[in-house]
C-alpha atoms as a PDB file:
ATOM      1  CA  MET A   1     -21.266 -56.822 -41.166  1.00  0.00           C
ATOM      2  CA  ASN A   2     -24.964 -57.213 -42.024  1.00  0.00           C
ATOM      3  CA  ALA A   3     -26.355 -59.651 -44.635  1.00  0.00           C
ATOM      4  CA  PHE A   4     -27.151 -56.843 -47.099  1.00  0.00           C
ATOM      5  CA  ALA A   5     -23.467 -55.658 -47.103  1.00  0.00           C
ATOM      6  CA  GLN A   6     -22.352 -59.252 -47.344  1.00  0.00           C
ATOM      7  CA  VAL A   7     -24.528 -59.973 -50.388  1.00  0.00           C
ATOM      8  CA  VAL A   8     -23.373 -56.888 -52.201  1.00  0.00           C
ATOM      9  CA  ALA A   9     -19.753 -57.572 -51.345  1.00  0.00           C
ATOM     10  CA  VAL A  10     -20.086 -61.100 -52.951  1.00  0.00           C
ATOM     11  CA  LEU A  11     -21.573 -59.407 -55.981  1.00  0.00           C
ATOM     12  CA  VAL A  12     -18.715 -56.877 -56.166  1.00  0.00           C
ATOM     13  CA  SER A  13     -16.213 -59.651 -55.792  1.00  0.00           C
ATOM     14  CA  LEU A  14     -17.834 -61.900 -58.442  1.00  0.00           C
ATOM     15  CA  VAL A  15     -17.958 -58.973 -60.901  1.00  0.00           C
ATOM     16  CA  LEU A  16     -14.179 -58.499 -60.369  1.00  0.00           C
ATOM     17  CA  VAL A  17     -13.684 -62.219 -61.133  1.00  0.00           C
ATOM     18  CA  VAL A  18     -15.755 -61.851 -64.265  1.00  0.00           C
ATOM     19  CA  MET A  19     -13.779 -58.736 -65.293  1.00  0.00           C
ATOM     20  CA  TRP A  20     -10.515 -60.801 -64.789  1.00  0.00           C
ATOM     21  CA  VAL A  21     -11.893 -63.366 -67.374  1.00  0.00           C
ATOM     22  CA  LEU A  22     -12.870 -60.654 -69.846  1.00  0.00           C
ATOM     23  CA  GLU A  23      -9.640 -58.723 -69.475  1.00  0.00           C
ATOM     24  CA  VAL A  24      -7.127 -61.683 -69.542  1.00  0.00           C
ATOM     25  CA  PHE A  25      -8.915 -64.112 -71.971  1.00  0.00           C
ATOM     26  CA  PHE A  26     -11.246 -61.982 -74.242  1.00  0.00           C
ATOM     27  CA  HIS A  27      -9.743 -58.412 -74.337  1.00  0.00           C
ATOM     28  CA  ASP A  28      -9.118 -59.113 -78.049  1.00  0.00           C
ATOM     29  CA  ARG A  29     -12.662 -59.804 -78.976  1.00  0.00           C
ATOM     30  CA  GLU A  30     -14.231 -57.199 -81.183  1.00  0.00           C
ATOM     31  CA  ALA A  31     -17.466 -57.288 -79.224  1.00  0.00           C
ATOM     32  CA  LEU A  32     -15.544 -55.930 -76.121  1.00  0.00           C
ATOM     33  CA  TYR A  33     -13.703 -53.135 -77.855  1.00  0.00           C
ATOM     34  CA  PRO A  34     -16.282 -50.633 -76.726  1.00  0.00           C
ATOM     35  CA  ILE A  35     -15.863 -51.695 -73.108  1.00  0.00           C
ATOM     36  CA  PHE A  36     -12.161 -51.226 -73.226  1.00  0.00           C
ATOM     37  CA  LEU A  37     -12.142 -48.345 -75.696  1.00  0.00           C
ATOM     38  CA  ILE A  38      -9.848 -49.948 -78.101  1.00  0.00           C
ATOM     39  CA  GLU A  39      -9.718 -50.454 -81.795  1.00  0.00           C
ATOM     40  CA  ARG A  40      -8.501 -53.625 -83.575  1.00  0.00           C
ATOM     41  CA  GLU A  41      -4.925 -52.220 -84.232  1.00  0.00           C
ATOM     42  CA  ASP A  42      -4.598 -51.452 -80.465  1.00  0.00           C
ATOM     43  CA  VAL A  43      -4.999 -54.944 -79.320  1.00  0.00           C
ATOM     44  CA  PRO A  44      -1.307 -55.909 -79.174  1.00  0.00           C
ATOM     45  CA  ALA A  45      -0.443 -52.667 -77.441  1.00  0.00           C
ATOM     46  CA  VAL A  46      -3.109 -53.154 -74.751  1.00  0.00           C
ATOM     47  CA  ARG A  47      -2.528 -56.817 -74.028  1.00  0.00           C
ATOM     48  CA  MET A  48       0.021 -56.300 -71.198  1.00  0.00           C
ATOM     49  CA  TRP A  49      -2.132 -53.772 -69.312  1.00  0.00           C
ATOM     50  CA  ALA A  50      -5.355 -55.872 -69.935  1.00  0.00           C
ATOM     51  CA  VAL A  51      -3.750 -58.928 -68.521  1.00  0.00           C
ATOM     52  CA  ASN A  52      -2.120 -57.119 -65.593  1.00  0.00           C
ATOM     53  CA  VAL A  53      -5.264 -55.268 -64.629  1.00  0.00           C
ATOM     54  CA  GLY A  54      -7.254 -58.459 -65.059  1.00  0.00           C
ATOM     55  CA  PHE A  55      -5.041 -60.255 -62.408  1.00  0.00           C
ATOM     56  CA  TYR A  56      -5.459 -57.267 -60.117  1.00  0.00           C
ATOM     57  CA  ASN A  57      -9.153 -57.766 -60.388  1.00  0.00           C
ATOM     58  CA  LEU A  58      -8.771 -61.495 -59.670  1.00  0.00           C
ATOM     59  CA  CYS A  59      -6.781 -60.743 -56.599  1.00  0.00           C
ATOM     60  CA  PHE A  60      -9.281 -58.145 -55.311  1.00  0.00           C
ATOM     61  CA  GLY A  61     -12.103 -60.381 -56.159  1.00  0.00           C
ATOM     62  CA  LEU A  62     -10.786 -63.461 -54.287  1.00  0.00           C
ATOM     63  CA  ALA A  63      -9.899 -61.331 -51.376  1.00  0.00           C
ATOM     64  CA  GLY A  64     -13.472 -60.046 -51.148  1.00  0.00           C
ATOM     65  CA  LEU A  65     -14.841 -63.538 -51.324  1.00  0.00           C
ATOM     66  CA  LEU A  66     -12.406 -64.759 -48.779  1.00  0.00           C
ATOM     67  CA  GLY A  67     -13.374 -61.777 -46.452  1.00  0.00           C
ATOM     68  CA  VAL A  68     -17.093 -62.789 -46.624  1.00  0.00           C
ATOM     69  CA  LEU A  69     -16.058 -66.448 -45.956  1.00  0.00           C
ATOM     70  CA  LEU A  70     -13.997 -65.455 -42.865  1.00  0.00           C
ATOM     71  CA  LEU A  71     -16.911 -63.505 -41.423  1.00  0.00           C
ATOM     72  CA  HIS A  72     -18.654 -67.002 -41.129  1.00  0.00           C
ATOM     73  CA  VAL A  73     -15.948 -69.554 -40.615  1.00  0.00           C
ATOM     74  CA  GLY A  74     -12.870 -67.762 -39.419  1.00  0.00           C
ATOM     75  CA  ASP A  75     -12.039 -64.540 -37.840  1.00  0.00           C
ATOM     76  CA  PRO A  76     -14.831 -62.005 -38.439  1.00  0.00           C
ATOM     77  CA  ALA A  77     -12.714 -58.951 -37.811  1.00  0.00           C
ATOM     78  CA  VAL A  78     -10.213 -60.037 -40.500  1.00  0.00           C
ATOM     79  CA  GLY A  79     -13.108 -60.856 -42.826  1.00  0.00           C
ATOM     80  CA  ARG A  80     -14.611 -57.355 -42.233  1.00  0.00           C
ATOM     81  CA  ALA A  81     -11.269 -55.699 -42.782  1.00  0.00           C
ATOM     82  CA  LEU A  82     -10.654 -57.626 -46.147  1.00  0.00           C
ATOM     83  CA  VAL A  83     -14.130 -56.697 -47.432  1.00  0.00           C
ATOM     84  CA  LEU A  84     -13.664 -53.031 -46.456  1.00  0.00           C
ATOM     85  CA  VAL A  85     -10.237 -52.854 -48.040  1.00  0.00           C
ATOM     86  CA  VAL A  86     -11.502 -54.296 -51.273  1.00  0.00           C
ATOM     87  CA  CYS A  87     -14.597 -52.044 -51.343  1.00  0.00           C
ATOM     88  CA  ALA A  88     -12.848 -48.867 -50.260  1.00  0.00           C
ATOM     89  CA  SER A  89     -10.117 -49.500 -52.855  1.00  0.00           C
ATOM     90  CA  HIS A  90     -12.806 -50.026 -55.603  1.00  0.00           C
ATOM     91  CA  VAL A  91     -14.577 -46.658 -54.509  1.00  0.00           C
ATOM     92  CA  LEU A  92     -11.272 -44.896 -55.029  1.00  0.00           C
ATOM     93  CA  LEU A  93     -10.427 -46.835 -58.296  1.00  0.00           C
ATOM     94  CA  GLY A  94     -13.785 -46.051 -59.714  1.00  0.00           C
ATOM     95  CA  ALA A  95     -13.196 -42.338 -59.179  1.00  0.00           C
ATOM     96  CA  VAL A  96      -9.623 -42.651 -60.710  1.00  0.00           C
ATOM     97  CA  LEU A  97     -11.230 -44.459 -63.756  1.00  0.00           C
ATOM     98  CA  TYR A  98     -13.720 -41.473 -64.245  1.00  0.00           C
ATOM     99  CA  VAL A  99     -10.972 -38.869 -63.838  1.00  0.00           C
ATOM    100  CA  SER A 100      -8.673 -40.739 -66.205  1.00  0.00           C
ATOM    101  CA  GLU A 101     -11.162 -41.455 -68.866  1.00  0.00           C
ATOM    102  CA  ARG A 102     -14.625 -39.709 -68.730  1.00  0.00           C
ATOM    103  CA  ARG A 103     -16.041 -41.853 -71.453  1.00  0.00           C
ATOM    104  CA  LEU A 104     -15.891 -44.731 -68.984  1.00  0.00           C
ATOM    105  CA  TRP A 105     -18.340 -43.047 -66.596  1.00  0.00           C
ATOM    106  CA  MET A 106     -20.716 -45.942 -66.533  1.00  0.00           C
ATOM    107  CA  SER A 107     -17.863 -48.404 -65.760  1.00  0.00           C
ATOM    108  CA  ALA A 108     -16.670 -45.944 -63.118  1.00  0.00           C
ATOM    109  CA  LEU A 109     -19.992 -45.989 -61.465  1.00  0.00           C
ATOM    110  CA  GLY A 110     -20.357 -49.612 -61.781  1.00  0.00           C
ATOM    111  CA  GLU A 111     -16.975 -50.041 -60.032  1.00  0.00           C
ATOM    112  CA  SER A 112     -17.482 -47.520 -57.306  1.00  0.00           C
ATOM    113  CA  VAL A 113     -21.122 -47.386 -56.288  1.00  0.00           C
ATOM    114  CA  PRO A 114     -21.718 -50.938 -55.224  1.00  0.00           C
ATOM    115  CA  ALA A 115     -18.468 -50.845 -53.402  1.00  0.00           C
ATOM    116  CA  LEU A 116     -19.512 -47.601 -51.664  1.00  0.00           C
ATOM    117  CA  VAL A 117     -22.874 -49.335 -50.758  1.00  0.00           C
ATOM    118  CA  VAL A 118     -20.937 -52.058 -48.987  1.00  0.00           C
ATOM    119  CA  VAL A 119     -18.654 -49.493 -47.098  1.00  0.00           C
ATOM    120  CA  VAL A 120     -21.639 -47.447 -46.025  1.00  0.00           C
ATOM    121  CA  ALA A 121     -23.809 -50.382 -45.005  1.00  0.00           C
ATOM    122  CA  THR A 122     -20.851 -51.851 -42.965  1.00  0.00           C
ATOM    123  CA  LEU A 123     -19.908 -48.668 -41.173  1.00  0.00           C
ATOM    124  CA  ALA A 124     -23.461 -47.328 -40.675  1.00  0.00           C
END
């Protein structure tokens, strides 16, 4: 895996960890309502999915970081596989996000395009 793909993979993974923080700890903040497409009265109803999705993002983010780490201090094949699974998953998840809620098209691009860059840069 080339250095460019590794840097982008780390960025993808760090964004996922940041999203975990936002979804788990701050989903009820009014400033974030537009990101999550919720209103004040929706907060109690969305808490469960926000926390659950947040922890999915944490797991994916940590797996991506572990994959890059393994490229350097462990088994490079395992590290490459982890990074590719994380990024390929987020290419698909970005597409699903767009299909399920078109108003989140920018979030869908932000989720899928950097991950696609990693996949293409790795497999090219």
